[in-house]
Amino acid sequence: MKNLSLEYLVRQPKSKVENAPLIILLHGYGSNEEDLFSFAEELPDSMLVISVRAPLSMGFGSYAWYTIHFETNDANKFSDIPEAKQALHKIGIFIGEIISEYKVDRDNVFLFGFSQGTILSIAYALNNPDKIRHVIALSGYVNSELLNKDVGISNFHDLDFFVSHGAVDQVIPVIWARKTPGFLNNLGIKNSYQEYAVGHGVAPQNFYDLNDWIKERI
C-alpha cells in the first residue's frame, strides 16, 4: 500500500463513518500480513483494518518481528529482547503514520496480535496506554522485559483486553498465558480471558467471541 515505514494491507470501512475505529493486526513469527488479514472481511463494517508485515525477512514469504529462541522453556529467554524493543519502536512509528494518513478515531484504536504479535501488542499498549484503547491478545503472553520500568504508575483507566490461548498450545505453553489475567488485574486493567481446545492457532469459536467483543466496543 502507500509508502509508509512498514508494508501493510488495508480494508477500508465498508460503511460511511467520519472517523473510523482503527484496528491494527500484528501477525506471528514466520507468517506475513496476509495471515490475520483473512479475518478482515468478517470484522465490523465501520472499522479501518490494517494488517502489518513484520520487518525481518525469513525468506519464502515469511517474516518475523524479532528472533525467537525455541530451544528454551524459559519465558524470559524466549525472545530476543533488543530486537523486540526495536520492533516496538517501529510499531509506534507505524501507528503514528497510519493515524496521520487515514481518517480514524484516535480514541478508539485496537491492536490485534497473534503469538509474537500478541507479545508486542501487550507491551506496546502497556507502555503507551494513551495511544491504544483495546487489545486482542491471541496465543501470547506478557513479557515484562519489554515494559517500561514505571509501567505500574501509568493510567490504564481506558485500556481493555481480550486474551485467549489454546489449551494444548505446543509453541507457547498455556501456563505462560494463564499469568496474563492476574498481571492485568494487578494493574487495574479490564480484561477477559478464554481458553479453547486447540493448539497454536485460532479456533472458529475464538474468532466469533473476539469479534463480538470488538462489536461491543465500537
N, C-alpha and C. Protein backbone atom coordinates (compact mmCIF):
# COMPACT_ATOMS: atom_id res chain seq x y z
N MET A 1 0.84 -1.19 0.00
CA MET A 1 0.00 0.00 0.00
C MET A 1 0.88 1.24 0.00
N LYS A 2 0.37 2.35 0.53
CA LYS A 2 1.10 3.60 0.49
C LYS A 2 2.45 3.45 1.16
N ASN A 3 3.39 4.25 0.75
CA ASN A 3 4.79 4.09 1.15
C ASN A 3 5.01 4.58 2.58
N LEU A 4 4.68 3.73 3.53
CA LEU A 4 4.93 4.02 4.93
C LEU A 4 6.13 3.19 5.39
N SER A 5 6.46 3.27 6.67
CA SER A 5 7.69 2.62 7.16
C SER A 5 7.62 1.10 7.17
N LEU A 6 6.41 0.52 7.20
CA LEU A 6 6.23 -0.92 7.14
C LEU A 6 5.23 -1.26 6.05
N GLU A 7 5.40 -2.43 5.44
CA GLU A 7 4.44 -2.90 4.44
C GLU A 7 3.14 -3.30 5.14
N TYR A 8 2.00 -3.09 4.46
CA TYR A 8 0.73 -3.44 5.08
C TYR A 8 -0.36 -3.62 4.03
N LEU A 9 -1.45 -4.26 4.47
CA LEU A 9 -2.67 -4.37 3.70
C LEU A 9 -3.75 -3.57 4.40
N VAL A 10 -4.72 -3.08 3.63
CA VAL A 10 -5.77 -2.26 4.22
C VAL A 10 -7.15 -2.69 3.72
N ARG A 11 -8.10 -2.72 4.63
CA ARG A 11 -9.50 -2.82 4.26
C ARG A 11 -10.18 -1.56 4.76
N GLN A 12 -10.63 -0.77 3.81
CA GLN A 12 -11.31 0.47 4.17
C GLN A 12 -12.66 0.16 4.84
N PRO A 13 -13.18 1.08 5.64
CA PRO A 13 -14.52 0.87 6.22
C PRO A 13 -15.55 0.62 5.12
N LYS A 14 -16.44 -0.33 5.38
CA LYS A 14 -17.48 -0.65 4.41
C LYS A 14 -18.68 0.29 4.55
N SER A 15 -18.80 0.91 5.70
CA SER A 15 -19.90 1.85 5.94
C SER A 15 -19.31 3.25 6.09
N LYS A 16 -20.13 4.25 5.79
CA LYS A 16 -19.66 5.64 5.85
C LYS A 16 -19.54 6.10 7.29
N VAL A 17 -18.32 6.41 7.68
CA VAL A 17 -18.06 6.95 9.02
C VAL A 17 -17.04 8.06 8.86
N GLU A 18 -17.21 9.12 9.65
CA GLU A 18 -16.30 10.27 9.53
C GLU A 18 -14.91 9.93 10.04
N ASN A 19 -14.85 9.32 11.21
CA ASN A 19 -13.58 8.90 11.80
C ASN A 19 -13.72 7.45 12.24
N ALA A 20 -13.14 6.54 11.49
CA ALA A 20 -13.36 5.11 11.70
C ALA A 20 -12.56 4.59 12.89
N PRO A 21 -13.13 3.65 13.65
CA PRO A 21 -12.32 2.91 14.61
C PRO A 21 -11.21 2.19 13.85
N LEU A 22 -10.01 2.19 14.40
CA LEU A 22 -8.84 1.61 13.74
C LEU A 22 -8.43 0.32 14.42
N ILE A 23 -8.22 -0.74 13.63
CA ILE A 23 -7.70 -1.99 14.18
C ILE A 23 -6.45 -2.37 13.38
N ILE A 24 -5.37 -2.60 14.10
CA ILE A 24 -4.08 -2.94 13.50
C ILE A 24 -3.74 -4.37 13.86
N LEU A 25 -3.49 -5.20 12.84
CA LEU A 25 -3.25 -6.62 13.01
C LEU A 25 -1.75 -6.91 12.93
N LEU A 26 -1.21 -7.57 13.97
CA LEU A 26 0.20 -7.91 14.04
C LEU A 26 0.35 -9.43 14.03
N HIS A 27 0.89 -9.97 12.96
CA HIS A 27 0.98 -11.42 12.78
C HIS A 27 2.08 -12.04 13.64
N GLY A 28 2.12 -13.36 13.61
CA GLY A 28 3.10 -14.10 14.40
C GLY A 28 4.38 -14.40 13.65
N TYR A 29 5.29 -15.05 14.33
CA TYR A 29 6.61 -15.41 13.81
C TYR A 29 6.49 -16.34 12.59
N GLY A 30 7.20 -15.98 11.52
CA GLY A 30 7.21 -16.83 10.34
C GLY A 30 6.01 -16.68 9.43
N SER A 31 5.16 -15.72 9.71
CA SER A 31 3.96 -15.51 8.91
C SER A 31 4.12 -14.22 8.10
N ASN A 32 3.01 -13.63 7.69
CA ASN A 32 3.06 -12.35 6.97
C ASN A 32 1.73 -11.63 7.12
N GLU A 33 1.62 -10.48 6.49
CA GLU A 33 0.45 -9.62 6.67
C GLU A 33 -0.83 -10.23 6.12
N GLU A 34 -0.73 -11.24 5.26
CA GLU A 34 -1.93 -11.85 4.69
C GLU A 34 -2.62 -12.80 5.67
N ASP A 35 -1.91 -13.25 6.67
CA ASP A 35 -2.44 -14.24 7.61
C ASP A 35 -3.66 -13.70 8.36
N LEU A 36 -3.46 -12.76 9.26
CA LEU A 36 -4.59 -12.22 10.02
C LEU A 36 -5.55 -11.42 9.14
N PHE A 37 -5.07 -10.96 7.98
CA PHE A 37 -5.94 -10.20 7.08
C PHE A 37 -7.07 -11.06 6.55
N SER A 38 -6.92 -12.38 6.68
CA SER A 38 -8.01 -13.28 6.28
C SER A 38 -9.26 -13.06 7.13
N PHE A 39 -9.10 -12.43 8.31
CA PHE A 39 -10.25 -12.11 9.16
C PHE A 39 -10.92 -10.79 8.78
N ALA A 40 -10.27 -10.01 7.93
CA ALA A 40 -10.68 -8.62 7.72
C ALA A 40 -12.13 -8.47 7.28
N GLU A 41 -12.56 -9.32 6.35
CA GLU A 41 -13.91 -9.16 5.82
C GLU A 41 -14.99 -9.46 6.86
N GLU A 42 -14.62 -10.17 7.92
CA GLU A 42 -15.60 -10.51 8.96
C GLU A 42 -15.61 -9.50 10.10
N LEU A 43 -14.65 -8.60 10.12
CA LEU A 43 -14.61 -7.59 11.18
C LEU A 43 -15.66 -6.52 10.91
N PRO A 44 -16.08 -5.78 11.93
CA PRO A 44 -17.17 -4.81 11.76
C PRO A 44 -16.95 -3.85 10.59
N ASP A 45 -18.06 -3.54 9.88
CA ASP A 45 -18.00 -2.74 8.67
C ASP A 45 -17.45 -1.34 8.90
N SER A 46 -17.63 -0.81 10.09
CA SER A 46 -17.22 0.58 10.35
C SER A 46 -15.72 0.74 10.57
N MET A 47 -14.99 -0.37 10.67
CA MET A 47 -13.58 -0.29 11.06
C MET A 47 -12.64 -0.14 9.86
N LEU A 48 -11.57 0.62 10.08
CA LEU A 48 -10.43 0.61 9.17
C LEU A 48 -9.50 -0.50 9.64
N VAL A 49 -9.24 -1.47 8.77
CA VAL A 49 -8.45 -2.64 9.13
C VAL A 49 -7.08 -2.56 8.45
N ILE A 50 -6.03 -2.60 9.25
CA ILE A 50 -4.67 -2.53 8.76
C ILE A 50 -3.93 -3.78 9.23
N SER A 51 -3.36 -4.53 8.29
CA SER A 51 -2.58 -5.71 8.64
C SER A 51 -1.13 -5.46 8.24
N VAL A 52 -0.21 -5.57 9.19
CA VAL A 52 1.16 -5.12 9.02
C VAL A 52 2.10 -6.31 8.79
N ARG A 53 3.10 -6.09 7.94
CA ARG A 53 4.14 -7.09 7.74
C ARG A 53 5.32 -6.78 8.66
N ALA A 54 5.78 -7.77 9.40
CA ALA A 54 6.95 -7.61 10.26
C ALA A 54 8.19 -7.31 9.41
N PRO A 55 9.19 -6.63 9.96
CA PRO A 55 10.31 -6.14 9.16
C PRO A 55 11.40 -7.15 8.84
N LEU A 56 11.51 -8.26 9.57
CA LEU A 56 12.62 -9.18 9.38
C LEU A 56 12.21 -10.32 8.44
N SER A 57 12.83 -10.37 7.27
CA SER A 57 12.50 -11.41 6.29
C SER A 57 13.18 -12.73 6.64
N MET A 58 12.40 -13.81 6.60
CA MET A 58 12.93 -15.15 6.81
C MET A 58 12.97 -15.93 5.50
N GLY A 59 12.61 -15.27 4.40
CA GLY A 59 12.57 -15.90 3.10
C GLY A 59 11.25 -16.62 2.84
N PHE A 60 10.93 -16.81 1.55
CA PHE A 60 9.74 -17.57 1.14
C PHE A 60 8.44 -16.99 1.71
N GLY A 61 8.36 -15.65 1.80
CA GLY A 61 7.14 -15.00 2.26
C GLY A 61 6.92 -15.04 3.76
N SER A 62 7.95 -15.40 4.50
CA SER A 62 7.85 -15.47 5.96
C SER A 62 8.60 -14.30 6.59
N TYR A 63 8.01 -13.76 7.66
CA TYR A 63 8.60 -12.58 8.32
C TYR A 63 8.50 -12.74 9.84
N ALA A 64 9.35 -12.00 10.53
CA ALA A 64 9.35 -12.02 12.00
C ALA A 64 9.56 -10.61 12.52
N TRP A 65 9.03 -10.38 13.71
CA TRP A 65 9.27 -9.11 14.39
C TRP A 65 10.62 -9.12 15.10
N TYR A 66 11.02 -10.30 15.55
CA TYR A 66 12.31 -10.47 16.21
C TYR A 66 12.62 -11.96 16.30
N THR A 67 13.85 -12.27 16.65
CA THR A 67 14.30 -13.66 16.75
C THR A 67 13.69 -14.33 17.99
N ILE A 68 13.31 -15.60 17.82
CA ILE A 68 12.79 -16.40 18.93
C ILE A 68 13.74 -17.57 19.18
N HIS A 69 13.97 -17.86 20.45
CA HIS A 69 14.84 -18.97 20.84
C HIS A 69 13.95 -20.14 21.27
N PHE A 70 13.59 -20.97 20.31
CA PHE A 70 12.65 -22.05 20.56
C PHE A 70 13.22 -23.14 21.47
N GLU A 71 14.53 -23.17 21.63
CA GLU A 71 15.14 -24.24 22.41
C GLU A 71 14.96 -24.07 23.91
N THR A 72 14.49 -22.90 24.36
CA THR A 72 14.35 -22.66 25.79
C THR A 72 12.93 -22.87 26.27
N ASN A 73 12.77 -23.26 27.52
CA ASN A 73 11.45 -23.36 28.15
C ASN A 73 11.22 -22.20 29.11
N ASP A 74 12.12 -21.22 29.08
CA ASP A 74 12.06 -20.06 29.96
C ASP A 74 11.44 -18.89 29.21
N ALA A 75 10.30 -18.41 29.68
CA ALA A 75 9.61 -17.31 29.00
C ALA A 75 10.49 -16.07 28.89
N ASN A 76 11.36 -15.86 29.88
CA ASN A 76 12.20 -14.67 29.89
C ASN A 76 13.33 -14.74 28.86
N LYS A 77 13.64 -15.95 28.37
CA LYS A 77 14.72 -16.12 27.40
C LYS A 77 14.20 -16.47 26.01
N PHE A 78 12.89 -16.52 25.87
CA PHE A 78 12.26 -16.95 24.62
C PHE A 78 12.47 -15.93 23.50
N SER A 79 12.50 -14.65 23.85
CA SER A 79 12.55 -13.58 22.86
C SER A 79 13.89 -12.87 22.87
N ASP A 80 14.33 -12.43 21.68
CA ASP A 80 15.49 -11.55 21.57
C ASP A 80 15.04 -10.15 21.97
N ILE A 81 15.37 -9.74 23.19
CA ILE A 81 14.82 -8.50 23.75
C ILE A 81 15.26 -7.25 22.97
N PRO A 82 16.54 -7.07 22.63
CA PRO A 82 16.90 -5.87 21.86
C PRO A 82 16.14 -5.77 20.53
N GLU A 83 16.00 -6.90 19.83
CA GLU A 83 15.25 -6.87 18.58
C GLU A 83 13.77 -6.57 18.83
N ALA A 84 13.22 -7.13 19.89
CA ALA A 84 11.81 -6.89 20.21
C ALA A 84 11.57 -5.42 20.55
N LYS A 85 12.50 -4.81 21.25
CA LYS A 85 12.36 -3.38 21.57
C LYS A 85 12.45 -2.53 20.31
N GLN A 86 13.30 -2.93 19.37
CA GLN A 86 13.36 -2.23 18.09
C GLN A 86 12.03 -2.36 17.35
N ALA A 87 11.43 -3.55 17.42
CA ALA A 87 10.14 -3.78 16.78
C ALA A 87 9.07 -2.89 17.39
N LEU A 88 9.07 -2.77 18.71
CA LEU A 88 8.10 -1.88 19.38
C LEU A 88 8.25 -0.45 18.89
N HIS A 89 9.50 -0.01 18.75
CA HIS A 89 9.74 1.34 18.25
C HIS A 89 9.17 1.51 16.84
N LYS A 90 9.39 0.52 15.98
CA LYS A 90 8.89 0.57 14.61
C LYS A 90 7.37 0.55 14.58
N ILE A 91 6.76 -0.24 15.46
CA ILE A 91 5.30 -0.29 15.52
C ILE A 91 4.74 1.07 15.93
N GLY A 92 5.40 1.71 16.89
CA GLY A 92 4.95 3.04 17.32
C GLY A 92 5.00 4.06 16.19
N ILE A 93 6.09 4.04 15.43
CA ILE A 93 6.21 4.95 14.29
C ILE A 93 5.11 4.66 13.28
N PHE A 94 4.88 3.38 13.00
CA PHE A 94 3.89 3.00 12.01
C PHE A 94 2.48 3.41 12.43
N ILE A 95 2.14 3.21 13.68
CA ILE A 95 0.81 3.61 14.17
C ILE A 95 0.61 5.11 13.96
N GLY A 96 1.63 5.90 14.27
CA GLY A 96 1.54 7.34 14.04
C GLY A 96 1.34 7.68 12.58
N GLU A 97 2.01 6.95 11.70
CA GLU A 97 1.86 7.19 10.26
C GLU A 97 0.45 6.86 9.79
N ILE A 98 -0.09 5.75 10.26
CA ILE A 98 -1.45 5.36 9.87
C ILE A 98 -2.47 6.40 10.34
N ILE A 99 -2.33 6.86 11.55
CA ILE A 99 -3.26 7.85 12.10
C ILE A 99 -3.18 9.16 11.32
N SER A 100 -1.98 9.50 10.85
CA SER A 100 -1.83 10.71 10.05
C SER A 100 -2.36 10.53 8.63
N GLU A 101 -2.25 9.31 8.10
CA GLU A 101 -2.60 9.05 6.70
C GLU A 101 -4.10 8.86 6.49
N TYR A 102 -4.79 8.28 7.48
CA TYR A 102 -6.20 7.95 7.33
C TYR A 102 -7.04 8.70 8.37
N LYS A 103 -8.31 8.85 8.04
CA LYS A 103 -9.25 9.49 8.98
C LYS A 103 -9.74 8.43 9.96
N VAL A 104 -9.21 8.46 11.17
CA VAL A 104 -9.56 7.46 12.16
C VAL A 104 -9.93 8.13 13.48
N ASP A 105 -10.59 7.35 14.31
CA ASP A 105 -10.93 7.78 15.66
C ASP A 105 -9.73 7.49 16.56
N ARG A 106 -8.96 8.50 16.87
CA ARG A 106 -7.74 8.32 17.67
C ARG A 106 -8.05 7.78 19.06
N ASP A 107 -9.29 7.92 19.50
CA ASP A 107 -9.67 7.45 20.83
C ASP A 107 -10.25 6.04 20.80
N ASN A 108 -10.19 5.40 19.65
CA ASN A 108 -10.71 4.03 19.56
C ASN A 108 -9.82 3.20 18.65
N VAL A 109 -8.58 2.99 19.12
CA VAL A 109 -7.59 2.22 18.37
C VAL A 109 -7.43 0.84 19.01
N PHE A 110 -7.55 -0.19 18.19
CA PHE A 110 -7.40 -1.58 18.62
C PHE A 110 -6.08 -2.13 18.10
N LEU A 111 -5.39 -2.93 18.92
CA LEU A 111 -4.29 -3.77 18.47
C LEU A 111 -4.75 -5.22 18.54
N PHE A 112 -4.54 -5.96 17.47
CA PHE A 112 -4.96 -7.35 17.36
C PHE A 112 -3.72 -8.16 17.03
N GLY A 113 -3.22 -8.94 17.99
CA GLY A 113 -2.00 -9.68 17.77
C GLY A 113 -2.20 -11.18 17.88
N PHE A 114 -1.32 -11.91 17.20
CA PHE A 114 -1.26 -13.36 17.36
C PHE A 114 0.17 -13.74 17.68
N SER A 115 0.37 -14.53 18.76
CA SER A 115 1.67 -15.07 19.12
C SER A 115 2.69 -13.95 19.33
N GLN A 116 3.71 -13.88 18.49
CA GLN A 116 4.72 -12.82 18.61
C GLN A 116 4.06 -11.44 18.49
N GLY A 117 3.06 -11.34 17.63
CA GLY A 117 2.34 -10.08 17.50
C GLY A 117 1.58 -9.72 18.77
N THR A 118 1.14 -10.74 19.51
CA THR A 118 0.46 -10.50 20.79
C THR A 118 1.44 -10.00 21.83
N ILE A 119 2.61 -10.61 21.91
CA ILE A 119 3.62 -10.18 22.89
C ILE A 119 3.92 -8.70 22.69
N LEU A 120 4.05 -8.28 21.44
CA LEU A 120 4.34 -6.88 21.15
C LEU A 120 3.12 -5.99 21.36
N SER A 121 1.93 -6.48 21.03
CA SER A 121 0.71 -5.69 21.24
C SER A 121 0.51 -5.38 22.72
N ILE A 122 0.70 -6.40 23.57
CA ILE A 122 0.57 -6.19 25.01
C ILE A 122 1.58 -5.16 25.49
N ALA A 123 2.84 -5.34 25.10
CA ALA A 123 3.89 -4.44 25.56
C ALA A 123 3.66 -3.02 25.08
N TYR A 124 3.28 -2.87 23.80
CA TYR A 124 3.07 -1.51 23.28
C TYR A 124 1.92 -0.82 24.01
N ALA A 125 0.83 -1.54 24.22
CA ALA A 125 -0.33 -0.94 24.89
C ALA A 125 0.00 -0.55 26.33
N LEU A 126 0.72 -1.42 27.05
CA LEU A 126 1.05 -1.10 28.44
C LEU A 126 2.04 0.06 28.53
N ASN A 127 2.91 0.18 27.54
CA ASN A 127 3.87 1.28 27.52
C ASN A 127 3.28 2.58 27.00
N ASN A 128 2.16 2.47 26.27
CA ASN A 128 1.55 3.65 25.63
C ASN A 128 0.03 3.62 25.81
N PRO A 129 -0.46 3.61 27.05
CA PRO A 129 -1.91 3.48 27.26
C PRO A 129 -2.70 4.69 26.79
N ASP A 130 -2.02 5.78 26.46
CA ASP A 130 -2.70 6.95 25.93
C ASP A 130 -2.97 6.83 24.43
N LYS A 131 -2.35 5.83 23.79
CA LYS A 131 -2.49 5.70 22.33
C LYS A 131 -3.33 4.51 21.91
N ILE A 132 -3.53 3.55 22.80
CA ILE A 132 -4.28 2.33 22.49
C ILE A 132 -5.44 2.20 23.46
N ARG A 133 -6.59 1.78 22.94
CA ARG A 133 -7.77 1.61 23.80
C ARG A 133 -8.06 0.14 24.07
N HIS A 134 -7.92 -0.71 23.05
CA HIS A 134 -8.30 -2.11 23.17
C HIS A 134 -7.22 -3.02 22.60
N VAL A 135 -7.03 -4.19 23.23
CA VAL A 135 -6.05 -5.15 22.76
C VAL A 135 -6.70 -6.53 22.65
N ILE A 136 -6.54 -7.17 21.49
CA ILE A 136 -6.92 -8.57 21.30
C ILE A 136 -5.62 -9.36 21.29
N ALA A 137 -5.44 -10.18 22.31
CA ALA A 137 -4.15 -10.85 22.54
C ALA A 137 -4.34 -12.35 22.43
N LEU A 138 -4.02 -12.91 21.25
CA LEU A 138 -4.23 -14.33 20.99
C LEU A 138 -2.91 -15.09 21.06
N SER A 139 -2.88 -16.15 21.83
CA SER A 139 -1.76 -17.11 21.85
C SER A 139 -0.42 -16.44 22.15
N GLY A 140 -0.41 -15.57 23.14
CA GLY A 140 0.81 -14.90 23.56
C GLY A 140 0.90 -14.81 25.07
N TYR A 141 1.70 -13.88 25.55
CA TYR A 141 1.87 -13.70 27.00
C TYR A 141 2.52 -12.35 27.26
N VAL A 142 2.57 -11.96 28.53
CA VAL A 142 3.22 -10.72 28.94
C VAL A 142 4.71 -10.96 29.11
N ASN A 143 5.52 -10.23 28.36
CA ASN A 143 6.97 -10.27 28.56
C ASN A 143 7.37 -8.99 29.30
N SER A 144 7.61 -9.11 30.59
CA SER A 144 7.87 -7.94 31.43
C SER A 144 9.15 -7.22 31.04
N GLU A 145 10.06 -7.91 30.33
CA GLU A 145 11.31 -7.26 29.93
C GLU A 145 11.09 -6.21 28.85
N LEU A 146 9.91 -6.20 28.24
CA LEU A 146 9.61 -5.21 27.22
C LEU A 146 8.84 -4.01 27.77
N LEU A 147 8.56 -4.03 29.06
CA LEU A 147 7.74 -2.97 29.66
C LEU A 147 8.60 -1.87 30.26
N ASN A 148 8.07 -0.65 30.21
CA ASN A 148 8.74 0.46 30.87
C ASN A 148 8.89 0.19 32.36
N LYS A 149 9.96 0.68 32.94
CA LYS A 149 10.19 0.44 34.37
C LYS A 149 9.11 1.06 35.24
N ASP A 150 8.50 2.14 34.78
CA ASP A 150 7.46 2.82 35.57
C ASP A 150 6.06 2.42 35.14
N VAL A 151 5.93 1.23 34.53
CA VAL A 151 4.63 0.82 33.99
C VAL A 151 3.55 0.79 35.06
N GLY A 152 3.93 0.50 36.29
CA GLY A 152 2.94 0.37 37.35
C GLY A 152 2.24 1.66 37.75
N ILE A 153 2.82 2.81 37.36
CA ILE A 153 2.22 4.09 37.77
C ILE A 153 1.43 4.73 36.62
N SER A 154 1.33 4.04 35.49
CA SER A 154 0.60 4.58 34.35
C SER A 154 -0.90 4.56 34.60
N ASN A 155 -1.61 5.35 33.83
CA ASN A 155 -3.07 5.40 33.92
C ASN A 155 -3.66 4.46 32.87
N PHE A 156 -4.21 3.35 33.33
CA PHE A 156 -4.78 2.34 32.43
C PHE A 156 -6.30 2.35 32.44
N HIS A 157 -6.89 3.45 32.87
CA HIS A 157 -8.34 3.50 33.08
C HIS A 157 -9.12 3.11 31.82
N ASP A 158 -8.63 3.49 30.63
CA ASP A 158 -9.38 3.27 29.39
C ASP A 158 -8.95 2.01 28.64
N LEU A 159 -7.97 1.28 29.17
CA LEU A 159 -7.44 0.12 28.47
C LEU A 159 -8.29 -1.12 28.75
N ASP A 160 -8.41 -1.98 27.74
CA ASP A 160 -9.30 -3.14 27.84
C ASP A 160 -8.71 -4.27 26.98
N PHE A 161 -8.66 -5.50 27.53
CA PHE A 161 -8.02 -6.61 26.85
C PHE A 161 -8.96 -7.79 26.64
N PHE A 162 -8.88 -8.41 25.46
CA PHE A 162 -9.43 -9.73 25.21
C PHE A 162 -8.24 -10.66 25.05
N VAL A 163 -8.10 -11.64 25.95
CA VAL A 163 -6.95 -12.54 25.94
C VAL A 163 -7.44 -13.97 25.73
N SER A 164 -6.80 -14.71 24.82
CA SER A 164 -7.19 -16.11 24.63
C SER A 164 -5.96 -16.95 24.30
N HIS A 165 -6.11 -18.25 24.50
CA HIS A 165 -5.00 -19.16 24.26
C HIS A 165 -5.53 -20.56 23.98
N GLY A 166 -4.75 -21.33 23.23
CA GLY A 166 -5.09 -22.72 23.01
C GLY A 166 -4.69 -23.56 24.20
N ALA A 167 -5.60 -24.37 24.66
CA ALA A 167 -5.34 -25.18 25.87
C ALA A 167 -4.24 -26.21 25.65
N VAL A 168 -3.98 -26.56 24.39
CA VAL A 168 -2.93 -27.54 24.08
C VAL A 168 -1.90 -26.91 23.14
N ASP A 169 -1.61 -25.63 23.35
CA ASP A 169 -0.63 -24.91 22.53
C ASP A 169 0.74 -25.56 22.69
N GLN A 170 1.33 -25.96 21.57
CA GLN A 170 2.61 -26.65 21.59
C GLN A 170 3.78 -25.69 21.37
N VAL A 171 3.51 -24.42 21.09
CA VAL A 171 4.56 -23.42 20.84
C VAL A 171 4.77 -22.52 22.04
N ILE A 172 3.70 -21.90 22.50
CA ILE A 172 3.75 -21.06 23.71
C ILE A 172 2.88 -21.73 24.76
N PRO A 173 3.48 -22.28 25.80
CA PRO A 173 2.72 -23.04 26.80
C PRO A 173 1.59 -22.22 27.41
N VAL A 174 0.45 -22.86 27.57
CA VAL A 174 -0.72 -22.16 28.10
C VAL A 174 -0.46 -21.63 29.51
N ILE A 175 0.46 -22.25 30.25
CA ILE A 175 0.77 -21.78 31.60
C ILE A 175 1.34 -20.37 31.58
N TRP A 176 2.04 -20.02 30.47
CA TRP A 176 2.54 -18.65 30.35
C TRP A 176 1.38 -17.67 30.19
N ALA A 177 0.40 -18.05 29.38
CA ALA A 177 -0.75 -17.18 29.13
C ALA A 177 -1.63 -17.03 30.35
N ARG A 178 -1.71 -18.07 31.17
CA ARG A 178 -2.59 -18.01 32.34
C ARG A 178 -2.14 -16.99 33.38
N LYS A 179 -0.93 -16.50 33.24
CA LYS A 179 -0.45 -15.45 34.14
C LYS A 179 -0.93 -14.07 33.72
N THR A 180 -1.40 -13.95 32.49
CA THR A 180 -1.76 -12.64 31.95
C THR A 180 -2.92 -11.98 32.69
N PRO A 181 -4.04 -12.68 32.96
CA PRO A 181 -5.14 -12.00 33.66
C PRO A 181 -4.73 -11.43 35.01
N GLY A 182 -3.96 -12.20 35.79
CA GLY A 182 -3.53 -11.71 37.09
C GLY A 182 -2.64 -10.49 36.96
N PHE A 183 -1.75 -10.50 35.97
CA PHE A 183 -0.88 -9.35 35.73
C PHE A 183 -1.71 -8.11 35.41
N LEU A 184 -2.69 -8.26 34.53
CA LEU A 184 -3.55 -7.14 34.16
C LEU A 184 -4.41 -6.68 35.34
N ASN A 185 -4.92 -7.66 36.09
CA ASN A 185 -5.74 -7.31 37.26
C ASN A 185 -4.96 -6.47 38.25
N ASN A 186 -3.69 -6.82 38.45
CA ASN A 186 -2.85 -6.07 39.40
C ASN A 186 -2.64 -4.62 38.97
N LEU A 187 -2.77 -4.38 37.66
CA LEU A 187 -2.64 -3.01 37.15
C LEU A 187 -4.00 -2.32 37.02
N GLY A 188 -5.06 -3.02 37.42
CA GLY A 188 -6.40 -2.43 37.33
C GLY A 188 -6.93 -2.34 35.92
N ILE A 189 -6.49 -3.24 35.04
CA ILE A 189 -6.89 -3.20 33.63
C ILE A 189 -8.02 -4.19 33.38
N LYS A 190 -9.08 -3.72 32.74
CA LYS A 190 -10.20 -4.59 32.38
C LYS A 190 -9.71 -5.67 31.42
N ASN A 191 -10.15 -6.90 31.64
CA ASN A 191 -9.71 -7.97 30.74
C ASN A 191 -10.66 -9.16 30.78
N SER A 192 -10.66 -9.89 29.69
CA SER A 192 -11.41 -11.14 29.57
C SER A 192 -10.43 -12.21 29.11
N TYR A 193 -10.43 -13.38 29.76
CA TYR A 193 -9.51 -14.45 29.39
C TYR A 193 -10.29 -15.70 29.04
N GLN A 194 -9.95 -16.30 27.88
CA GLN A 194 -10.63 -17.51 27.43
C GLN A 194 -9.60 -18.52 26.94
N GLU A 195 -9.90 -19.81 27.12
CA GLU A 195 -9.10 -20.88 26.53
C GLU A 195 -9.97 -21.71 25.61
N TYR A 196 -9.34 -22.22 24.55
CA TYR A 196 -10.06 -23.02 23.56
C TYR A 196 -9.29 -24.31 23.31
N ALA A 197 -10.00 -25.35 22.93
CA ALA A 197 -9.40 -26.68 22.78
C ALA A 197 -8.66 -26.81 21.44
N VAL A 198 -7.62 -25.99 21.29
CA VAL A 198 -6.80 -26.01 20.07
C VAL A 198 -5.34 -25.88 20.48
N GLY A 199 -4.45 -26.01 19.48
CA GLY A 199 -3.03 -25.80 19.69
C GLY A 199 -2.69 -24.34 19.46
N HIS A 200 -1.63 -24.09 18.68
CA HIS A 200 -1.18 -22.73 18.43
C HIS A 200 -1.92 -22.18 17.21
N GLY A 201 -3.16 -21.82 17.42
CA GLY A 201 -3.99 -21.33 16.34
C GLY A 201 -5.25 -20.68 16.88
N VAL A 202 -6.14 -20.30 15.98
CA VAL A 202 -7.37 -19.60 16.35
C VAL A 202 -8.56 -20.47 15.98
N ALA A 203 -9.26 -20.98 16.98
CA ALA A 203 -10.46 -21.77 16.75
C ALA A 203 -11.59 -20.88 16.24
N PRO A 204 -12.51 -21.43 15.43
CA PRO A 204 -13.64 -20.61 14.97
C PRO A 204 -14.38 -19.91 16.11
N GLN A 205 -14.63 -20.63 17.21
CA GLN A 205 -15.34 -20.01 18.33
C GLN A 205 -14.54 -18.87 18.93
N ASN A 206 -13.23 -19.00 18.91
CA ASN A 206 -12.35 -17.94 19.39
C ASN A 206 -12.58 -16.66 18.59
N PHE A 207 -12.64 -16.79 17.26
CA PHE A 207 -12.85 -15.61 16.43
C PHE A 207 -14.24 -15.03 16.64
N TYR A 208 -15.26 -15.90 16.74
CA TYR A 208 -16.61 -15.38 16.98
C TYR A 208 -16.67 -14.59 18.29
N ASP A 209 -16.03 -15.11 19.32
CA ASP A 209 -16.05 -14.44 20.63
C ASP A 209 -15.32 -13.11 20.59
N LEU A 210 -14.15 -13.08 19.95
CA LEU A 210 -13.40 -11.83 19.93
C LEU A 210 -14.09 -10.80 19.04
N ASN A 211 -14.75 -11.26 17.98
CA ASN A 211 -15.46 -10.33 17.11
C ASN A 211 -16.64 -9.71 17.83
N ASP A 212 -17.36 -10.51 18.62
CA ASP A 212 -18.45 -9.96 19.44
C ASP A 212 -17.90 -8.95 20.43
N TRP A 213 -16.75 -9.25 21.01
CA TRP A 213 -16.10 -8.35 21.96
C TRP A 213 -15.77 -7.02 21.31
N ILE A 214 -15.26 -7.07 20.07
CA ILE A 214 -14.95 -5.85 19.33
C ILE A 214 -16.22 -5.05 19.07
N LYS A 215 -17.27 -5.72 18.62
CA LYS A 215 -18.53 -5.03 18.28
C LYS A 215 -19.10 -4.28 19.47
N GLU A 216 -18.89 -4.79 20.67
CA GLU A 216 -19.39 -4.12 21.87
C GLU A 216 -18.62 -2.86 22.21
N ARG A 217 -17.48 -2.64 21.53
CA ARG A 217 -16.61 -1.54 21.89
C ARG A 217 -16.43 -0.49 20.78
N ILE A 218 -17.24 -0.57 19.73
CA ILE A 218 -17.16 0.43 18.67
C ILE A 218 -18.48 1.17 18.55
